[in-house]
């Protein structure tokens, strides 16, 4: 169960500064300087991470991912909400 509630579709989401990201065999790996943990975000997670380099509205992020990965809105929204909730729990992203 996620500690954080669902992100409102109109809220801005972005990376928390101070993490180190690297590409490894097509997957994005993040090192959190704050907690010293590594995170393997995978291919799609890495794409989401890249799009969070600047603040982006959640609904815009979902629409862009739906087009790129040819996935339905319900599935995309649920998966992105879950993924971002995990990143929020780890302190890797922020919501404004």
PDB file of N, CA and C in Angstrom:
ATOM      1  N   UNK A   1       0.847  -1.182   0.000  1.00  0.00           N
ATOM      2  CA  UNK A   1       0.000   0.000   0.000  1.00  0.00           C
ATOM      3  C   UNK A   1       0.887   1.239   0.000  1.00  0.00           C
ATOM      4  N   UNK A   2       0.588   2.163  -0.863  1.00  0.00           N
ATOM      5  CA  UNK A   2       1.369   3.389  -0.953  1.00  0.00           C
ATOM      6  C   UNK A   2       1.014   4.321   0.193  1.00  0.00           C
ATOM      7  N   UNK A   3       2.025   5.025   0.675  1.00  0.00           N
ATOM      8  CA  UNK A   3       1.810   6.004   1.728  1.00  0.00           C
ATOM      9  C   UNK A   3       1.114   7.243   1.180  1.00  0.00           C
ATOM     10  N   UNK A   4       1.335   7.530  -0.082  1.00  0.00           N
ATOM     11  CA  UNK A   4       0.813   8.751  -0.683  1.00  0.00           C
ATOM     12  C   UNK A   4      -0.503   8.490  -1.398  1.00  0.00           C
ATOM     13  N   UNK A   5      -1.383   9.490  -1.352  1.00  0.00           N
ATOM     14  CA  UNK A   5      -2.631   9.376  -2.086  1.00  0.00           C
ATOM     15  C   UNK A   5      -2.362   9.622  -3.568  1.00  0.00           C
ATOM     16  N   UNK A   6      -3.358   9.387  -4.378  1.00  0.00           N
ATOM     17  CA  UNK A   6      -3.209   9.592  -5.809  1.00  0.00           C
ATOM     18  C   UNK A   6      -2.909  11.051  -6.119  1.00  0.00           C
ATOM     19  N   UNK A   7      -2.123  11.250  -7.139  1.00  0.00           N
ATOM     20  CA  UNK A   7      -1.759  12.586  -7.573  1.00  0.00           C
ATOM     21  C   UNK A   7      -2.891  13.131  -8.436  1.00  0.00           C
ATOM     22  N   UNK A   8      -3.263  14.357  -8.183  1.00  0.00           N
ATOM     23  CA  UNK A   8      -4.292  15.003  -8.976  1.00  0.00           C
ATOM     24  C   UNK A   8      -3.777  15.188 -10.404  1.00  0.00           C
ATOM     25  N   UNK A   9      -4.600  14.900 -11.424  1.00  0.00           N
ATOM     26  CA  UNK A   9      -4.145  14.998 -12.819  1.00  0.00           C
ATOM     27  C   UNK A   9      -3.626  16.368 -13.231  1.00  0.00           C
ATOM     28  N   UNK A  10      -4.035  17.435 -12.532  1.00  0.00           N
ATOM     29  CA  UNK A  10      -3.576  18.769 -12.914  1.00  0.00           C
ATOM     30  C   UNK A  10      -2.329  19.208 -12.144  1.00  0.00           C
ATOM     31  N   UNK A  11      -1.867  18.390 -11.209  1.00  0.00           N
ATOM     32  CA  UNK A  11      -0.682  18.750 -10.444  1.00  0.00           C
ATOM     33  C   UNK A  11       0.591  18.556 -11.267  1.00  0.00           C
ATOM     34  N   UNK A  12       1.593  19.372 -10.946  1.00  0.00           N
ATOM     35  CA  UNK A  12       2.899  19.268 -11.584  1.00  0.00           C
ATOM     36  C   UNK A  12       3.760  18.265 -10.824  1.00  0.00           C
ATOM     37  N   UNK A  13       4.435  17.420 -11.575  1.00  0.00           N
ATOM     38  CA  UNK A  13       5.333  16.422 -11.000  1.00  0.00           C
ATOM     39  C   UNK A  13       6.708  16.655 -11.609  1.00  0.00           C
ATOM     40  N   UNK A  14       7.757  16.529 -10.789  1.00  0.00           N
ATOM     41  CA  UNK A  14       9.115  16.699 -11.293  1.00  0.00           C
ATOM     42  C   UNK A  14      10.104  15.928 -10.424  1.00  0.00           C
ATOM     43  N   UNK A  15      11.306  15.758 -10.959  1.00  0.00           N
ATOM     44  CA  UNK A  15      12.384  15.103 -10.229  1.00  0.00           C
ATOM     45  C   UNK A  15      12.801  15.969  -9.045  1.00  0.00           C
ATOM     46  N   UNK A  16      13.185  15.317  -7.964  1.00  0.00           N
ATOM     47  CA  UNK A  16      13.832  16.018  -6.861  1.00  0.00           C
ATOM     48  C   UNK A  16      15.299  16.180  -7.262  1.00  0.00           C
ATOM     49  N   UNK A  17      15.849  17.378  -7.152  1.00  0.00           N
ATOM     50  CA  UNK A  17      17.249  17.580  -7.543  1.00  0.00           C
ATOM     51  C   UNK A  17      18.203  16.769  -6.668  1.00  0.00           C
ATOM     52  N   UNK A  18      19.362  16.458  -7.236  1.00  0.00           N
ATOM     53  CA  UNK A  18      20.411  15.817  -6.455  1.00  0.00           C
ATOM     54  C   UNK A  18      20.518  14.315  -6.622  1.00  0.00           C
ATOM     55  N   UNK A  19      19.808  13.742  -7.577  1.00  0.00           N
ATOM     56  CA  UNK A  19      19.926  12.316  -7.867  1.00  0.00           C
ATOM     57  C   UNK A  19      20.790  12.141  -9.110  1.00  0.00           C
ATOM     58  N   UNK A  20      21.489  11.028  -9.168  1.00  0.00           N
ATOM     59  CA  UNK A  20      22.338  10.737 -10.318  1.00  0.00           C
ATOM     60  C   UNK A  20      21.661   9.664 -11.146  1.00  0.00           C
ATOM     61  N   UNK A  21      21.451   9.940 -12.437  1.00  0.00           N
ATOM     62  CA  UNK A  21      20.806   8.993 -13.345  1.00  0.00           C
ATOM     63  C   UNK A  21      21.809   8.518 -14.377  1.00  0.00           C
ATOM     64  N   UNK A  22      21.694   7.237 -14.732  1.00  0.00           N
ATOM     65  CA  UNK A  22      22.575   6.663 -15.742  1.00  0.00           C
ATOM     66  C   UNK A  22      21.799   5.645 -16.562  1.00  0.00           C
ATOM     67  N   UNK A  23      22.164   5.528 -17.845  1.00  0.00           N
ATOM     68  CA  UNK A  23      21.567   4.512 -18.704  1.00  0.00           C
ATOM     69  C   UNK A  23      22.429   3.258 -18.664  1.00  0.00           C
ATOM     70  N   UNK A  24      21.794   2.113 -18.443  1.00  0.00           N
ATOM     71  CA  UNK A  24      22.495   0.835 -18.431  1.00  0.00           C
ATOM     72  C   UNK A  24      21.708  -0.161 -19.261  1.00  0.00           C
ATOM     73  N   UNK A  25      22.228  -0.492 -20.430  1.00  0.00           N
ATOM     74  CA  UNK A  25      21.582  -1.452 -21.322  1.00  0.00           C
ATOM     75  C   UNK A  25      20.129  -1.100 -21.604  1.00  0.00           C
ATOM     76  N   UNK A  26      19.856   0.179 -21.867  1.00  0.00           N
ATOM     77  CA  UNK A  26      18.512   0.607 -22.222  1.00  0.00           C
ATOM     78  C   UNK A  26      17.588   0.859 -21.047  1.00  0.00           C
ATOM     79  N   UNK A  27      18.078   0.691 -19.838  1.00  0.00           N
ATOM     80  CA  UNK A  27      17.278   0.951 -18.647  1.00  0.00           C
ATOM     81  C   UNK A  27      17.905   2.081 -17.859  1.00  0.00           C
ATOM     82  N   UNK A  28      17.079   2.845 -17.171  1.00  0.00           N
ATOM     83  CA  UNK A  28      17.550   3.970 -16.369  1.00  0.00           C
ATOM     84  C   UNK A  28      17.771   3.496 -14.937  1.00  0.00           C
ATOM     85  N   UNK A  29      18.939   3.850 -14.393  1.00  0.00           N
ATOM     86  CA  UNK A  29      19.280   3.552 -13.008  1.00  0.00           C
ATOM     87  C   UNK A  29      19.521   4.880 -12.303  1.00  0.00           C
ATOM     88  N   UNK A  30      18.949   5.030 -11.114  1.00  0.00           N
ATOM     89  CA  UNK A  30      19.054   6.261 -10.343  1.00  0.00           C
ATOM     90  C   UNK A  30      19.782   5.964  -9.039  1.00  0.00           C
ATOM     91  N   UNK A  31      20.687   6.854  -8.655  1.00  0.00           N
ATOM     92  CA  UNK A  31      21.312   6.804  -7.338  1.00  0.00           C
ATOM     93  C   UNK A  31      20.809   8.004  -6.557  1.00  0.00           C
ATOM     94  N   UNK A  32      20.164   7.732  -5.434  1.00  0.00           N
ATOM     95  CA  UNK A  32      19.718   8.808  -4.556  1.00  0.00           C
ATOM     96  C   UNK A  32      20.882   9.175  -3.651  1.00  0.00           C
ATOM     97  N   UNK A  33      21.366  10.387  -3.800  1.00  0.00           N
ATOM     98  CA  UNK A  33      22.452  10.864  -2.959  1.00  0.00           C
ATOM     99  C   UNK A  33      21.977  10.963  -1.509  1.00  0.00           C
ATOM    100  N   UNK A  34      20.714  11.336  -1.321  1.00  0.00           N
ATOM    101  CA  UNK A  34      20.178  11.533   0.027  1.00  0.00           C
ATOM    102  C   UNK A  34      20.145  10.240   0.843  1.00  0.00           C
ATOM    103  N   UNK A  35      19.668   9.146   0.240  1.00  0.00           N
ATOM    104  CA  UNK A  35      19.548   7.913   1.025  1.00  0.00           C
ATOM    105  C   UNK A  35      20.543   6.826   0.624  1.00  0.00           C
ATOM    106  N   UNK A  36      21.352   7.086  -0.414  1.00  0.00           N
ATOM    107  CA  UNK A  36      22.388   6.133  -0.813  1.00  0.00           C
ATOM    108  C   UNK A  36      21.877   4.878  -1.496  1.00  0.00           C
ATOM    109  N   UNK A  37      20.630   4.886  -1.954  1.00  0.00           N
ATOM    110  CA  UNK A  37      20.045   3.715  -2.612  1.00  0.00           C
ATOM    111  C   UNK A  37      20.084   3.853  -4.123  1.00  0.00           C
ATOM    112  N   UNK A  38      20.196   2.687  -4.790  1.00  0.00           N
ATOM    113  CA  UNK A  38      20.076   2.608  -6.249  1.00  0.00           C
ATOM    114  C   UNK A  38      18.670   2.138  -6.601  1.00  0.00           C
ATOM    115  N   UNK A  39      18.149   2.650  -7.711  1.00  0.00           N
ATOM    116  CA  UNK A  39      16.829   2.258  -8.206  1.00  0.00           C
ATOM    117  C   UNK A  39      16.937   1.954  -9.691  1.00  0.00           C
ATOM    118  N   UNK A  40      16.502   0.783 -10.099  1.00  0.00           N
ATOM    119  CA  UNK A  40      16.439   0.446 -11.517  1.00  0.00           C
ATOM    120  C   UNK A  40      15.017   0.750 -11.970  1.00  0.00           C
ATOM    121  N   UNK A  41      14.877   1.764 -12.819  1.00  0.00           N
ATOM    122  CA  UNK A  41      13.545   2.197 -13.258  1.00  0.00           C
ATOM    123  C   UNK A  41      13.053   1.458 -14.488  1.00  0.00           C
ATOM    124  N   UNK A  42      13.911   0.685 -15.129  1.00  0.00           N
ATOM    125  CA  UNK A  42      13.514  -0.022 -16.334  1.00  0.00           C
ATOM    126  C   UNK A  42      13.403   0.925 -17.516  1.00  0.00           C
ATOM    127  N   UNK A  43      12.928   0.395 -18.621  1.00  0.00           N
ATOM    128  CA  UNK A  43      12.838   1.181 -19.856  1.00  0.00           C
ATOM    129  C   UNK A  43      11.731   2.230 -19.790  1.00  0.00           C
ATOM    130  N   UNK A  44      10.516   1.802 -19.466  1.00  0.00           N
ATOM    131  CA  UNK A  44       9.386   2.745 -19.427  1.00  0.00           C
ATOM    132  C   UNK A  44       9.546   3.693 -18.242  1.00  0.00           C
ATOM    133  N   UNK A  45       9.958   3.173 -17.095  1.00  0.00           N
ATOM    134  CA  UNK A  45      10.205   4.031 -15.941  1.00  0.00           C
ATOM    135  C   UNK A  45      11.270   5.071 -16.235  1.00  0.00           C
ATOM    136  N   UNK A  46      12.282   4.674 -17.003  1.00  0.00           N
ATOM    137  CA  UNK A  46      13.322   5.605 -17.401  1.00  0.00           C
ATOM    138  C   UNK A  46      12.782   6.701 -18.307  1.00  0.00           C
ATOM    139  N   UNK A  47      11.861   6.331 -19.175  1.00  0.00           N
ATOM    140  CA  UNK A  47      11.228   7.330 -20.047  1.00  0.00           C
ATOM    141  C   UNK A  47      10.417   8.322 -19.211  1.00  0.00           C
ATOM    142  N   UNK A  48       9.693   7.806 -18.228  1.00  0.00           N
ATOM    143  CA  UNK A  48       8.931   8.698 -17.344  1.00  0.00           C
ATOM    144  C   UNK A  48       9.890   9.607 -16.589  1.00  0.00           C
ATOM    145  N   UNK A  49      10.966   9.038 -16.052  1.00  0.00           N
ATOM    146  CA  UNK A  49      11.961   9.820 -15.311  1.00  0.00           C
ATOM    147  C   UNK A  49      12.503  10.965 -16.176  1.00  0.00           C
ATOM    148  N   UNK A  50      12.824  10.669 -17.412  1.00  0.00           N
ATOM    149  CA  UNK A  50      13.354  11.699 -18.313  1.00  0.00           C
ATOM    150  C   UNK A  50      12.353  12.824 -18.515  1.00  0.00           C
ATOM    151  N   UNK A  51      11.082  12.475 -18.617  1.00  0.00           N
ATOM    152  CA  UNK A  51      10.042  13.494 -18.833  1.00  0.00           C
ATOM    153  C   UNK A  51       9.795  14.337 -17.587  1.00  0.00           C
ATOM    154  N   UNK A  52      10.287  13.877 -16.445  1.00  0.00           N
ATOM    155  CA  UNK A  52      10.121  14.613 -15.196  1.00  0.00           C
ATOM    156  C   UNK A  52      11.287  15.560 -14.916  1.00  0.00           C
ATOM    157  N   UNK A  53      12.193  15.700 -15.884  1.00  0.00           N
ATOM    158  CA  UNK A  53      13.341  16.594 -15.692  1.00  0.00           C
ATOM    159  C   UNK A  53      12.889  18.039 -15.516  1.00  0.00           C
ATOM    160  N   UNK A  54      11.744  18.372 -16.108  1.00  0.00           N
ATOM    161  CA  UNK A  54      11.092  19.665 -15.909  1.00  0.00           C
ATOM    162  C   UNK A  54       9.683  19.364 -15.397  1.00  0.00           C
ATOM    163  N   UNK A  55       9.118  20.241 -14.573  1.00  0.00           N
ATOM    164  CA  UNK A  55       7.760  19.991 -14.079  1.00  0.00           C
ATOM    165  C   UNK A  55       6.781  19.760 -15.231  1.00  0.00           C
ATOM    166  N   UNK A  56       5.955  18.734 -15.076  1.00  0.00           N
ATOM    167  CA  UNK A  56       4.963  18.392 -16.087  1.00  0.00           C
ATOM    168  C   UNK A  56       3.663  18.010 -15.377  1.00  0.00           C
ATOM    169  N   UNK A  57       2.553  18.430 -15.937  1.00  0.00           N
ATOM    170  CA  UNK A  57       1.249  18.048 -15.361  1.00  0.00           C
ATOM    171  C   UNK A  57       1.030  16.547 -15.577  1.00  0.00           C
ATOM    172  N   UNK A  58       0.494  15.915 -14.579  1.00  0.00           N
ATOM    173  CA  UNK A  58       0.274  14.475 -14.654  1.00  0.00           C
ATOM    174  C   UNK A  58      -0.567  14.105 -15.864  1.00  0.00           C
ATOM    175  N   UNK A  59      -1.640  14.845 -16.140  1.00  0.00           N
ATOM    176  CA  UNK A  59      -2.481  14.487 -17.280  1.00  0.00           C
ATOM    177  C   UNK A  59      -1.732  14.624 -18.605  1.00  0.00           C
ATOM    178  N   UNK A  60      -0.816  15.583 -18.714  1.00  0.00           N
ATOM    179  CA  UNK A  60      -0.002  15.731 -19.923  1.00  0.00           C
ATOM    180  C   UNK A  60       0.953  14.548 -20.057  1.00  0.00           C
ATOM    181  N   UNK A  61       1.584  14.173 -18.948  1.00  0.00           N
ATOM    182  CA  UNK A  61       2.485  13.023 -18.948  1.00  0.00           C
ATOM    183  C   UNK A  61       1.756  11.765 -19.413  1.00  0.00           C
ATOM    184  N   UNK A  62       0.583  11.524 -18.874  1.00  0.00           N
ATOM    185  CA  UNK A  62      -0.197  10.329 -19.231  1.00  0.00           C
ATOM    186  C   UNK A  62      -0.573  10.358 -20.712  1.00  0.00           C
ATOM    187  N   UNK A  63      -1.050  11.488 -21.197  1.00  0.00           N
ATOM    188  CA  UNK A  63      -1.421  11.600 -22.612  1.00  0.00           C
ATOM    189  C   UNK A  63      -0.222  11.321 -23.513  1.00  0.00           C
ATOM    190  N   UNK A  64       0.930  11.887 -23.181  1.00  0.00           N
ATOM    191  CA  UNK A  64       2.139  11.656 -23.979  1.00  0.00           C
ATOM    192  C   UNK A  64       2.552  10.185 -23.980  1.00  0.00           C
ATOM    193  N   UNK A  65       2.484   9.551 -22.833  1.00  0.00           N
ATOM    194  CA  UNK A  65       2.857   8.135 -22.734  1.00  0.00           C
ATOM    195  C   UNK A  65       1.867   7.247 -23.483  1.00  0.00           C
ATOM    196  N   UNK A  66       0.585   7.592 -23.438  1.00  0.00           N
ATOM    197  CA  UNK A  66      -0.429   6.821 -24.173  1.00  0.00           C
ATOM    198  C   UNK A  66      -0.114   6.818 -25.658  1.00  0.00           C
ATOM    199  N   UNK A  67       0.266   7.971 -26.182  1.00  0.00           N
ATOM    200  CA  UNK A  67       0.579   8.078 -27.602  1.00  0.00           C
ATOM    201  C   UNK A  67       1.845   7.317 -27.955  1.00  0.00           C
ATOM    202  N   UNK A  68       2.869   7.453 -27.128  1.00  0.00           N
ATOM    203  CA  UNK A  68       4.147   6.808 -27.434  1.00  0.00           C
ATOM    204  C   UNK A  68       4.091   5.292 -27.313  1.00  0.00           C
ATOM    205  N   UNK A  69       3.392   4.790 -26.297  1.00  0.00           N
ATOM    206  CA  UNK A  69       3.388   3.351 -26.043  1.00  0.00           C
ATOM    207  C   UNK A  69       2.095   2.659 -26.464  1.00  0.00           C
ATOM    208  N   UNK A  70       1.174   3.397 -27.084  1.00  0.00           N
ATOM    209  CA  UNK A  70      -0.073   2.829 -27.598  1.00  0.00           C
ATOM    210  C   UNK A  70      -0.795   2.000 -26.531  1.00  0.00           C
ATOM    211  N   UNK A  71      -1.105   2.665 -25.426  1.00  0.00           N
ATOM    212  CA  UNK A  71      -1.781   2.019 -24.308  1.00  0.00           C
ATOM    213  C   UNK A  71      -3.024   2.832 -23.964  1.00  0.00           C
ATOM    214  N   UNK A  72      -4.047   2.143 -23.446  1.00  0.00           N
ATOM    215  CA  UNK A  72      -5.292   2.814 -23.078  1.00  0.00           C
ATOM    216  C   UNK A  72      -5.129   3.713 -21.867  1.00  0.00           C
ATOM    217  N   UNK A  73      -6.018   4.680 -21.752  1.00  0.00           N
ATOM    218  CA  UNK A  73      -5.929   5.669 -20.678  1.00  0.00           C
ATOM    219  C   UNK A  73      -6.024   5.037 -19.294  1.00  0.00           C
ATOM    220  N   UNK A  74      -6.972   4.139 -19.063  1.00  0.00           N
ATOM    221  CA  UNK A  74      -7.150   3.551 -17.735  1.00  0.00           C
ATOM    222  C   UNK A  74      -5.895   2.810 -17.275  1.00  0.00           C
ATOM    223  N   UNK A  75      -5.334   2.015 -18.159  1.00  0.00           N
ATOM    224  CA  UNK A  75      -4.128   1.249 -17.825  1.00  0.00           C
ATOM    225  C   UNK A  75      -2.958   2.195 -17.597  1.00  0.00           C
ATOM    226  N   UNK A  76      -2.781   3.147 -18.486  1.00  0.00           N
ATOM    227  CA  UNK A  76      -1.671   4.088 -18.386  1.00  0.00           C
ATOM    228  C   UNK A  76      -1.766   4.903 -17.100  1.00  0.00           C
ATOM    229  N   UNK A  77      -2.942   5.421 -16.819  1.00  0.00           N
ATOM    230  CA  UNK A  77      -3.121   6.240 -15.622  1.00  0.00           C
ATOM    231  C   UNK A  77      -2.848   5.442 -14.354  1.00  0.00           C
ATOM    232  N   UNK A  78      -3.366   4.229 -14.276  1.00  0.00           N
ATOM    233  CA  UNK A  78      -3.149   3.398 -13.087  1.00  0.00           C
ATOM    234  C   UNK A  78      -1.667   3.077 -12.909  1.00  0.00           C
ATOM    235  N   UNK A  79      -1.013   2.698 -13.998  1.00  0.00           N
ATOM    236  CA  UNK A  79       0.406   2.339 -13.923  1.00  0.00           C
ATOM    237  C   UNK A  79       1.276   3.540 -13.560  1.00  0.00           C
ATOM    238  N   UNK A  80       0.997   4.692 -14.150  1.00  0.00           N
ATOM    239  CA  UNK A  80       1.788   5.892 -13.873  1.00  0.00           C
ATOM    240  C   UNK A  80       1.545   6.362 -12.434  1.00  0.00           C
ATOM    241  N   UNK A  81       0.304   6.335 -11.987  1.00  0.00           N
ATOM    242  CA  UNK A  81       0.007   6.712 -10.595  1.00  0.00           C
ATOM    243  C   UNK A  81       0.766   5.806  -9.623  1.00  0.00           C
ATOM    244  N   UNK A  82       0.759   4.511  -9.889  1.00  0.00           N
ATOM    245  CA  UNK A  82       1.456   3.562  -9.016  1.00  0.00           C
ATOM    246  C   UNK A  82       2.960   3.848  -9.014  1.00  0.00           C
ATOM    247  N   UNK A  83       3.536   4.002 -10.208  1.00  0.00           N
ATOM    248  CA  UNK A  83       4.967   4.238 -10.350  1.00  0.00           C
ATOM    249  C   UNK A  83       5.371   5.542  -9.651  1.00  0.00           C
ATOM    250  N   UNK A  84       4.633   6.624  -9.897  1.00  0.00           N
ATOM    251  CA  UNK A  84       4.953   7.898  -9.277  1.00  0.00           C
ATOM    252  C   UNK A  84       4.762   7.843  -7.763  1.00  0.00           C
ATOM    253  N   UNK A  85       3.787   7.085  -7.309  1.00  0.00           N
ATOM    254  CA  UNK A  85       3.595   6.907  -5.867  1.00  0.00           C
ATOM    255  C   UNK A  85       4.804   6.268  -5.215  1.00  0.00           C
ATOM    256  N   UNK A  86       5.383   5.277  -5.898  1.00  0.00           N
ATOM    257  CA  UNK A  86       6.598   4.638  -5.385  1.00  0.00           C
ATOM    258  C   UNK A  86       7.756   5.632  -5.356  1.00  0.00           C
ATOM    259  N   UNK A  87       7.903   6.438  -6.429  1.00  0.00           N
ATOM    260  CA  UNK A  87       8.970   7.436  -6.461  1.00  0.00           C
ATOM    261  C   UNK A  87       8.763   8.492  -5.370  1.00  0.00           C
ATOM    262  N   UNK A  88       7.528   8.876  -5.124  1.00  0.00           N
ATOM    263  CA  UNK A  88       7.223   9.811  -4.048  1.00  0.00           C
ATOM    264  C   UNK A  88       7.616   9.221  -2.689  1.00  0.00           C
ATOM    265  N   UNK A  89       7.252   7.969  -2.475  1.00  0.00           N
ATOM    266  CA  UNK A  89       7.582   7.297  -1.206  1.00  0.00           C
ATOM    267  C   UNK A  89       9.093   7.271  -0.976  1.00  0.00           C
ATOM    268  N   UNK A  90       9.864   7.187  -2.041  1.00  0.00           N
ATOM    269  CA  UNK A  90      11.330   7.134  -1.930  1.00  0.00           C
ATOM    270  C   UNK A  90      11.973   8.527  -1.952  1.00  0.00           C
ATOM    271  N   UNK A  91      11.161   9.567  -2.135  1.00  0.00           N
ATOM    272  CA  UNK A  91      11.686  10.928  -2.143  1.00  0.00           C
ATOM    273  C   UNK A  91      12.425  11.304  -3.410  1.00  0.00           C
ATOM    274  N   UNK A  92      12.092  10.645  -4.521  1.00  0.00           N
ATOM    275  CA  UNK A  92      12.776  10.903  -5.793  1.00  0.00           C
ATOM    276  C   UNK A  92      12.061  11.941  -6.656  1.00  0.00           C
ATOM    277  N   UNK A  93      10.761  12.129  -6.422  1.00  0.00           N
ATOM    278  CA  UNK A  93       9.997  13.128  -7.162  1.00  0.00           C
ATOM    279  C   UNK A  93       9.210  13.998  -6.180  1.00  0.00           C
ATOM    280  N   UNK A  94       8.774  15.139  -6.692  1.00  0.00           N
ATOM    281  CA  UNK A  94       7.944  16.033  -5.889  1.00  0.00           C
ATOM    282  C   UNK A  94       6.718  16.422  -6.688  1.00  0.00           C
ATOM    283  N   UNK A  95       5.665  16.790  -5.964  1.00  0.00           N
ATOM    284  CA  UNK A  95       4.406  17.210  -6.571  1.00  0.00           C
ATOM    285  C   UNK A  95       4.126  18.635  -6.107  1.00  0.00           C
ATOM    286  N   UNK A  96       3.847  19.504  -7.056  1.00  0.00           N
ATOM    287  CA  UNK A  96       3.535  20.905  -6.742  1.00  0.00           C
ATOM    288  C   UNK A  96       2.093  21.199  -7.055  1.00  0.00           C
TER     289      UNK A  96
END
